[in-house]
Amino acid sequence: MNPKKELLIKSAARLYSLGLDLEGARERLKELVARGVPYSSPEMLKAYEDFTQLDAQWKELERQHLELRDEILREDGARRK
């Protein structure tokens, strides 16, 4: 298989896994808010920091994944001409 396509598949799997972690972090924040934990508490600040770090990682990996996908599509299109 094309090494770029293998990398695309691996990045898709990582996006999925990271997405699950991100949703878990989002749920943790919702849970803290529902329990009435103050926004300035160490527990809330840590949960928010964890969420924002995961969110930034996911967005960067998604950007890289989409760029690679577009590159592969362009290369495949050029070969077919």
PDB file of N, CA and C in Angstrom:
ATOM      1  N   MET A   1       0.843  -1.184   0.000  1.00  0.00           N
ATOM      2  CA  MET A   1       0.000   0.000   0.000  1.00  0.00           C
ATOM      3  C   MET A   1       0.886   1.244   0.000  1.00  0.00           C
ATOM      4  N   ASN A   2       0.369   2.296  -0.549  1.00  0.00           N
ATOM      5  CA  ASN A   2       1.037   3.593  -0.586  1.00  0.00           C
ATOM      6  C   ASN A   2       1.315   4.063   0.852  1.00  0.00           C
ATOM      7  N   PRO A   3       2.586   4.434   1.141  1.00  0.00           N
ATOM      8  CA  PRO A   3       2.910   4.883   2.515  1.00  0.00           C
ATOM      9  C   PRO A   3       2.067   6.078   2.975  1.00  0.00           C
ATOM     10  N   LYS A   4       1.716   6.962   2.072  1.00  0.00           N
ATOM     11  CA  LYS A   4       0.884   8.108   2.451  1.00  0.00           C
ATOM     12  C   LYS A   4      -0.518   7.653   2.834  1.00  0.00           C
ATOM     13  N   LYS A   5      -1.035   6.656   2.123  1.00  0.00           N
ATOM     14  CA  LYS A   5      -2.364   6.143   2.455  1.00  0.00           C
ATOM     15  C   LYS A   5      -2.341   5.414   3.796  1.00  0.00           C
ATOM     16  N   GLU A   6      -1.236   4.718   4.085  1.00  0.00           N
ATOM     17  CA  GLU A   6      -1.101   4.064   5.386  1.00  0.00           C
ATOM     18  C   GLU A   6      -1.086   5.109   6.496  1.00  0.00           C
ATOM     19  N   LEU A   7      -0.358   6.195   6.265  1.00  0.00           N
ATOM     20  CA  LEU A   7      -0.301   7.275   7.241  1.00  0.00           C
ATOM     21  C   LEU A   7      -1.680   7.910   7.431  1.00  0.00           C
ATOM     22  N   LEU A   8      -2.422   8.043   6.350  1.00  0.00           N
ATOM     23  CA  LEU A   8      -3.775   8.600   6.430  1.00  0.00           C
ATOM     24  C   LEU A   8      -4.675   7.713   7.288  1.00  0.00           C
ATOM     25  N   ILE A   9      -4.570   6.420   7.106  1.00  0.00           N
ATOM     26  CA  ILE A   9      -5.369   5.478   7.895  1.00  0.00           C
ATOM     27  C   ILE A   9      -4.969   5.548   9.369  1.00  0.00           C
ATOM     28  N   LYS A  10      -3.678   5.612   9.626  1.00  0.00           N
ATOM     29  CA  LYS A  10      -3.208   5.706  11.009  1.00  0.00           C
ATOM     30  C   LYS A  10      -3.673   7.008  11.656  1.00  0.00           C
ATOM     31  N   SER A  11      -3.632   8.096  10.900  1.00  0.00           N
ATOM     32  CA  SER A  11      -4.061   9.369  11.480  1.00  0.00           C
ATOM     33  C   SER A  11      -5.576   9.365  11.725  1.00  0.00           C
ATOM     34  N   ALA A  12      -6.319   8.680  10.875  1.00  0.00           N
ATOM     35  CA  ALA A  12      -7.771   8.566  11.092  1.00  0.00           C
ATOM     36  C   ALA A  12      -8.053   7.786  12.373  1.00  0.00           C
ATOM     37  N   ALA A  13      -7.309   6.719  12.595  1.00  0.00           N
ATOM     38  CA  ALA A  13      -7.484   5.931  13.819  1.00  0.00           C
ATOM     39  C   ALA A  13      -7.119   6.764  15.045  1.00  0.00           C
ATOM     40  N   ARG A  14      -6.056   7.536  14.933  1.00  0.00           N
ATOM     41  CA  ARG A  14      -5.643   8.390  16.058  1.00  0.00           C
ATOM     42  C   ARG A  14      -6.684   9.485  16.302  1.00  0.00           C
ATOM     43  N   LEU A  15      -7.241  10.043  15.229  1.00  0.00           N
ATOM     44  CA  LEU A  15      -8.297  11.048  15.384  1.00  0.00           C
ATOM     45  C   LEU A  15      -9.492  10.461  16.137  1.00  0.00           C
ATOM     46  N   TYR A  16      -9.852   9.260  15.785  1.00  0.00           N
ATOM     47  CA  TYR A  16     -10.979   8.598  16.457  1.00  0.00           C
ATOM     48  C   TYR A  16     -10.689   8.441  17.949  1.00  0.00           C
ATOM     49  N   SER A  17      -9.516   7.909  18.262  1.00  0.00           N
ATOM     50  CA  SER A  17      -9.132   7.689  19.645  1.00  0.00           C
ATOM     51  C   SER A  17      -9.053   9.002  20.424  1.00  0.00           C
ATOM     52  N   LEU A  18      -8.439   9.993  19.817  1.00  0.00           N
ATOM     53  CA  LEU A  18      -8.331  11.299  20.455  1.00  0.00           C
ATOM     54  C   LEU A  18      -9.708  11.934  20.629  1.00  0.00           C
ATOM     55  N   GLY A  19     -10.584  11.705  19.672  1.00  0.00           N
ATOM     56  CA  GLY A  19     -11.951  12.211  19.764  1.00  0.00           C
ATOM     57  C   GLY A  19     -12.697  11.624  20.950  1.00  0.00           C
ATOM     58  N   LEU A  20     -12.475  10.340  21.212  1.00  0.00           N
ATOM     59  CA  LEU A  20     -13.094   9.707  22.379  1.00  0.00           C
ATOM     60  C   LEU A  20     -12.573  10.345  23.674  1.00  0.00           C
ATOM     61  N   ASP A  21     -11.260  10.569  23.719  1.00  0.00           N
ATOM     62  CA  ASP A  21     -10.674  11.215  24.893  1.00  0.00           C
ATOM     63  C   ASP A  21     -11.217  12.633  25.063  1.00  0.00           C
ATOM     64  N   LEU A  22     -11.356  13.336  23.956  1.00  0.00           N
ATOM     65  CA  LEU A  22     -11.865  14.706  23.988  1.00  0.00           C
ATOM     66  C   LEU A  22     -13.305  14.736  24.497  1.00  0.00           C
ATOM     67  N   GLU A  23     -14.116  13.823  24.024  1.00  0.00           N
ATOM     68  CA  GLU A  23     -15.503  13.774  24.493  1.00  0.00           C
ATOM     69  C   GLU A  23     -15.576  13.411  25.977  1.00  0.00           C
ATOM     70  N   GLY A  24     -14.672  12.563  26.424  1.00  0.00           N
ATOM     71  CA  GLY A  24     -14.612  12.242  27.848  1.00  0.00           C
ATOM     72  C   GLY A  24     -14.266  13.469  28.679  1.00  0.00           C
ATOM     73  N   ALA A  25     -13.329  14.265  28.190  1.00  0.00           N
ATOM     74  CA  ALA A  25     -12.942  15.497  28.882  1.00  0.00           C
ATOM     75  C   ALA A  25     -14.094  16.502  28.879  1.00  0.00           C
ATOM     76  N   ARG A  26     -14.823  16.561  27.784  1.00  0.00           N
ATOM     77  CA  ARG A  26     -15.989  17.456  27.700  1.00  0.00           C
ATOM     78  C   ARG A  26     -17.058  17.022  28.718  1.00  0.00           C
ATOM     79  N   GLU A  27     -17.295  15.726  28.802  1.00  0.00           N
ATOM     80  CA  GLU A  27     -18.275  15.203  29.760  1.00  0.00           C
ATOM     81  C   GLU A  27     -17.838  15.483  31.194  1.00  0.00           C
ATOM     82  N   ARG A  28     -16.543  15.398  31.447  1.00  0.00           N
ATOM     83  CA  ARG A  28     -16.022  15.695  32.781  1.00  0.00           C
ATOM     84  C   ARG A  28     -16.343  17.143  33.156  1.00  0.00           C
ATOM     85  N   LEU A  29     -16.129  18.065  32.219  1.00  0.00           N
ATOM     86  CA  LEU A  29     -16.460  19.470  32.483  1.00  0.00           C
ATOM     87  C   LEU A  29     -17.950  19.636  32.759  1.00  0.00           C
ATOM     88  N   LYS A  30     -18.780  18.995  31.952  1.00  0.00           N
ATOM     89  CA  LYS A  30     -20.231  19.086  32.155  1.00  0.00           C
ATOM     90  C   LYS A  30     -20.631  18.552  33.532  1.00  0.00           C
ATOM     91  N   GLU A  31     -20.000  17.464  33.922  1.00  0.00           N
ATOM     92  CA  GLU A  31     -20.287  16.853  35.217  1.00  0.00           C
ATOM     93  C   GLU A  31     -19.926  17.817  36.355  1.00  0.00           C
ATOM     94  N   LEU A  32     -18.775  18.452  36.252  1.00  0.00           N
ATOM     95  CA  LEU A  32     -18.352  19.394  37.285  1.00  0.00           C
ATOM     96  C   LEU A  32     -19.306  20.584  37.372  1.00  0.00           C
ATOM     97  N   VAL A  33     -19.719  21.087  36.213  1.00  0.00           N
ATOM     98  CA  VAL A  33     -20.663  22.211  36.193  1.00  0.00           C
ATOM     99  C   VAL A  33     -21.990  21.780  36.823  1.00  0.00           C
ATOM    100  N   ALA A  34     -22.464  20.598  36.466  1.00  0.00           N
ATOM    101  CA  ALA A  34     -23.731  20.102  37.005  1.00  0.00           C
ATOM    102  C   ALA A  34     -23.675  19.926  38.528  1.00  0.00           C
ATOM    103  N   ARG A  35     -22.500  19.574  39.031  1.00  0.00           N
ATOM    104  CA  ARG A  35     -22.330  19.414  40.475  1.00  0.00           C
ATOM    105  C   ARG A  35     -22.145  20.749  41.183  1.00  0.00           C
ATOM    106  N   GLY A  36     -22.020  21.830  40.413  1.00  0.00           N
ATOM    107  CA  GLY A  36     -21.869  23.148  41.007  1.00  0.00           C
ATOM    108  C   GLY A  36     -20.465  23.469  41.473  1.00  0.00           C
ATOM    109  N   VAL A  37     -19.471  22.762  40.904  1.00  0.00           N
ATOM    110  CA  VAL A  37     -18.078  23.036  41.272  1.00  0.00           C
ATOM    111  C   VAL A  37     -17.714  24.428  40.761  1.00  0.00           C
ATOM    112  N   PRO A  38     -17.130  25.261  41.608  1.00  0.00           N
ATOM    113  CA  PRO A  38     -16.777  26.624  41.178  1.00  0.00           C
ATOM    114  C   PRO A  38     -15.774  26.608  40.015  1.00  0.00           C
ATOM    115  N   TYR A  39     -15.954  27.547  39.101  1.00  0.00           N
ATOM    116  CA  TYR A  39     -15.079  27.626  37.933  1.00  0.00           C
ATOM    117  C   TYR A  39     -13.629  27.867  38.313  1.00  0.00           C
ATOM    118  N   SER A  40     -13.407  28.514  39.426  1.00  0.00           N
ATOM    119  CA  SER A  40     -12.036  28.835  39.838  1.00  0.00           C
ATOM    120  C   SER A  40     -11.398  27.751  40.705  1.00  0.00           C
ATOM    121  N   SER A  41     -12.103  26.656  40.929  1.00  0.00           N
ATOM    122  CA  SER A  41     -11.552  25.592  41.773  1.00  0.00           C
ATOM    123  C   SER A  41     -10.424  24.863  41.039  1.00  0.00           C
ATOM    124  N   PRO A  42      -9.469  24.322  41.771  1.00  0.00           N
ATOM    125  CA  PRO A  42      -8.381  23.564  41.131  1.00  0.00           C
ATOM    126  C   PRO A  42      -8.893  22.398  40.284  1.00  0.00           C
ATOM    127  N   GLU A  43      -9.939  21.748  40.744  1.00  0.00           N
ATOM    128  CA  GLU A  43     -10.507  20.609  40.004  1.00  0.00           C
ATOM    129  C   GLU A  43     -11.061  21.054  38.649  1.00  0.00           C
ATOM    130  N   MET A  44     -11.791  22.173  38.650  1.00  0.00           N
ATOM    131  CA  MET A  44     -12.360  22.685  37.409  1.00  0.00           C
ATOM    132  C   MET A  44     -11.263  23.200  36.480  1.00  0.00           C
ATOM    133  N   LEU A  45     -10.298  23.904  37.042  1.00  0.00           N
ATOM    134  CA  LEU A  45      -9.207  24.435  36.217  1.00  0.00           C
ATOM    135  C   LEU A  45      -8.411  23.313  35.560  1.00  0.00           C
ATOM    136  N   LYS A  46      -8.182  22.225  36.293  1.00  0.00           N
ATOM    137  CA  LYS A  46      -7.460  21.075  35.736  1.00  0.00           C
ATOM    138  C   LYS A  46      -8.283  20.412  34.630  1.00  0.00           C
ATOM    139  N   ALA A  47      -9.567  20.243  34.863  1.00  0.00           N
ATOM    140  CA  ALA A  47     -10.437  19.629  33.855  1.00  0.00           C
ATOM    141  C   ALA A  47     -10.476  20.489  32.591  1.00  0.00           C
ATOM    142  N   TYR A  48     -10.526  21.808  32.778  1.00  0.00           N
ATOM    143  CA  TYR A  48     -10.545  22.707  31.623  1.00  0.00           C
ATOM    144  C   TYR A  48      -9.217  22.661  30.869  1.00  0.00           C
ATOM    145  N   GLU A  49      -8.126  22.629  31.599  1.00  0.00           N
ATOM    146  CA  GLU A  49      -6.802  22.547  30.961  1.00  0.00           C
ATOM    147  C   GLU A  49      -6.674  21.253  30.166  1.00  0.00           C
ATOM    148  N   ASP A  50      -7.111  20.141  30.762  1.00  0.00           N
ATOM    149  CA  ASP A  50      -7.072  18.852  30.054  1.00  0.00           C
ATOM    150  C   ASP A  50      -7.893  18.919  28.769  1.00  0.00           C
ATOM    151  N   PHE A  51      -9.097  19.494  28.868  1.00  0.00           N
ATOM    152  CA  PHE A  51      -9.963  19.614  27.705  1.00  0.00           C
ATOM    153  C   PHE A  51      -9.321  20.463  26.616  1.00  0.00           C
ATOM    154  N   THR A  52      -8.788  21.619  26.981  1.00  0.00           N
ATOM    155  CA  THR A  52      -8.219  22.515  25.958  1.00  0.00           C
ATOM    156  C   THR A  52      -6.986  21.907  25.300  1.00  0.00           C
ATOM    157  N   GLN A  53      -6.192  21.157  26.057  1.00  0.00           N
ATOM    158  CA  GLN A  53      -5.033  20.497  25.459  1.00  0.00           C
ATOM    159  C   GLN A  53      -5.460  19.426  24.460  1.00  0.00           C
ATOM    160  N   LEU A  54      -6.431  18.621  24.840  1.00  0.00           N
ATOM    161  CA  LEU A  54      -6.932  17.592  23.928  1.00  0.00           C
ATOM    162  C   LEU A  54      -7.576  18.217  22.691  1.00  0.00           C
ATOM    163  N   ASP A  55      -8.320  19.288  22.888  1.00  0.00           N
ATOM    164  CA  ASP A  55      -8.971  19.976  21.779  1.00  0.00           C
ATOM    165  C   ASP A  55      -7.938  20.508  20.791  1.00  0.00           C
ATOM    166  N   ALA A  56      -6.874  21.106  21.294  1.00  0.00           N
ATOM    167  CA  ALA A  56      -5.818  21.640  20.417  1.00  0.00           C
ATOM    168  C   ALA A  56      -5.130  20.506  19.659  1.00  0.00           C
ATOM    169  N   GLN A  57      -4.866  19.400  20.348  1.00  0.00           N
ATOM    170  CA  GLN A  57      -4.242  18.244  19.679  1.00  0.00           C
ATOM    171  C   GLN A  57      -5.142  17.710  18.576  1.00  0.00           C
ATOM    172  N   TRP A  58      -6.439  17.593  18.869  1.00  0.00           N
ATOM    173  CA  TRP A  58      -7.378  17.058  17.892  1.00  0.00           C
ATOM    174  C   TRP A  58      -7.450  17.960  16.658  1.00  0.00           C
ATOM    175  N   LYS A  59      -7.544  19.257  16.895  1.00  0.00           N
ATOM    176  CA  LYS A  59      -7.639  20.202  15.772  1.00  0.00           C
ATOM    177  C   LYS A  59      -6.394  20.165  14.901  1.00  0.00           C
ATOM    178  N   GLU A  60      -5.217  20.068  15.515  1.00  0.00           N
ATOM    179  CA  GLU A  60      -3.974  20.010  14.738  1.00  0.00           C
ATOM    180  C   GLU A  60      -3.889  18.706  13.951  1.00  0.00           C
ATOM    181  N   LEU A  61      -4.230  17.595  14.580  1.00  0.00           N
ATOM    182  CA  LEU A  61      -4.197  16.318  13.874  1.00  0.00           C
ATOM    183  C   LEU A  61      -5.227  16.300  12.750  1.00  0.00           C
ATOM    184  N   GLU A  62      -6.386  16.880  12.976  1.00  0.00           N
ATOM    185  CA  GLU A  62      -7.409  16.945  11.919  1.00  0.00           C
ATOM    186  C   GLU A  62      -6.894  17.765  10.735  1.00  0.00           C
ATOM    187  N   ARG A  63      -6.232  18.882  11.022  1.00  0.00           N
ATOM    188  CA  ARG A  63      -5.679  19.721   9.957  1.00  0.00           C
ATOM    189  C   ARG A  63      -4.662  18.931   9.137  1.00  0.00           C
ATOM    190  N   GLN A  64      -3.759  18.239   9.816  1.00  0.00           N
ATOM    191  CA  GLN A  64      -2.751  17.436   9.118  1.00  0.00           C
ATOM    192  C   GLN A  64      -3.397  16.316   8.310  1.00  0.00           C
ATOM    193  N   HIS A  65      -4.390  15.674   8.886  1.00  0.00           N
ATOM    194  CA  HIS A  65      -5.088  14.578   8.215  1.00  0.00           C
ATOM    195  C   HIS A  65      -5.755  15.073   6.926  1.00  0.00           C
ATOM    196  N   LEU A  66      -6.437  16.195   7.010  1.00  0.00           N
ATOM    197  CA  LEU A  66      -7.117  16.734   5.826  1.00  0.00           C
ATOM    198  C   LEU A  66      -6.135  17.177   4.760  1.00  0.00           C
ATOM    199  N   GLU A  67      -5.013  17.748   5.169  1.00  0.00           N
ATOM    200  CA  GLU A  67      -3.985  18.132   4.190  1.00  0.00           C
ATOM    201  C   GLU A  67      -3.435  16.905   3.478  1.00  0.00           C
ATOM    202  N   LEU A  68      -3.158  15.850   4.232  1.00  0.00           N
ATOM    203  CA  LEU A  68      -2.642  14.621   3.631  1.00  0.00           C
ATOM    204  C   LEU A  68      -3.677  14.003   2.700  1.00  0.00           C
ATOM    205  N   ARG A  69      -4.925  13.997   3.123  1.00  0.00           N
ATOM    206  CA  ARG A  69      -5.996  13.452   2.273  1.00  0.00           C
ATOM    207  C   ARG A  69      -6.082  14.218   0.957  1.00  0.00           C
ATOM    208  N   ASP A  70      -6.038  15.552   1.044  1.00  0.00           N
ATOM    209  CA  ASP A  70      -6.106  16.368  -0.165  1.00  0.00           C
ATOM    210  C   ASP A  70      -4.901  16.121  -1.071  1.00  0.00           C
ATOM    211  N   GLU A  71      -3.739  15.961  -0.467  1.00  0.00           N
ATOM    212  CA  GLU A  71      -2.526  15.678  -1.246  1.00  0.00           C
ATOM    213  C   GLU A  71      -2.652  14.349  -1.982  1.00  0.00           C
ATOM    214  N   ILE A  72      -3.152  13.344  -1.304  1.00  0.00           N
ATOM    215  CA  ILE A  72      -3.332  12.030  -1.928  1.00  0.00           C
ATOM    216  C   ILE A  72      -4.350  12.120  -3.067  1.00  0.00           C
ATOM    217  N   LEU A  73      -5.444  12.831  -2.839  1.00  0.00           N
ATOM    218  CA  LEU A  73      -6.456  12.981  -3.888  1.00  0.00           C
ATOM    219  C   LEU A  73      -5.891  13.701  -5.112  1.00  0.00           C
ATOM    220  N   ARG A  74      -5.080  14.736  -4.884  1.00  0.00           N
ATOM    221  CA  ARG A  74      -4.457  15.447  -6.011  1.00  0.00           C
ATOM    222  C   ARG A  74      -3.525  14.527  -6.784  1.00  0.00           C
ATOM    223  N   GLU A  75      -2.717  13.752  -6.052  1.00  0.00           N
ATOM    224  CA  GLU A  75      -1.787  12.830  -6.706  1.00  0.00           C
ATOM    225  C   GLU A  75      -2.524  11.759  -7.483  1.00  0.00           C
ATOM    226  N   ASP A  76      -3.596  11.214  -6.901  1.00  0.00           N
ATOM    227  CA  ASP A  76      -4.386  10.200  -7.599  1.00  0.00           C
ATOM    228  C   ASP A  76      -5.042  10.788  -8.843  1.00  0.00           C
ATOM    229  N   GLY A  77      -5.518  12.019  -8.743  1.00  0.00           N
ATOM    230  CA  GLY A  77      -6.126  12.686  -9.891  1.00  0.00           C
ATOM    231  C   GLY A  77      -5.120  12.944 -10.998  1.00  0.00           C
ATOM    232  N   ALA A  78      -3.905  13.324 -10.630  1.00  0.00           N
ATOM    233  CA  ALA A  78      -2.852  13.595 -11.628  1.00  0.00           C
ATOM    234  C   ALA A  78      -2.449  12.312 -12.343  1.00  0.00           C
ATOM    235  N   ARG A  79      -2.435  11.199 -11.644  1.00  0.00           N
ATOM    236  CA  ARG A  79      -2.064   9.920 -12.259  1.00  0.00           C
ATOM    237  C   ARG A  79      -3.113   9.448 -13.254  1.00  0.00           C
ATOM    238  N   ARG A  80      -4.348   9.798 -13.027  1.00  0.00           N
ATOM    239  CA  ARG A  80      -5.439   9.325 -13.891  1.00  0.00           C
ATOM    240  C   ARG A  80      -5.564  10.105 -15.167  1.00  0.00           C
ATOM    241  N   LYS A  81      -4.918  11.260 -15.230  1.00  0.00           N
ATOM    242  CA  LYS A  81      -5.032  12.107 -16.439  1.00  0.00           C
ATOM    243  C   LYS A  81      -4.184  11.571 -17.558  1.00  0.00           C
TER     244      LYS A  81
END
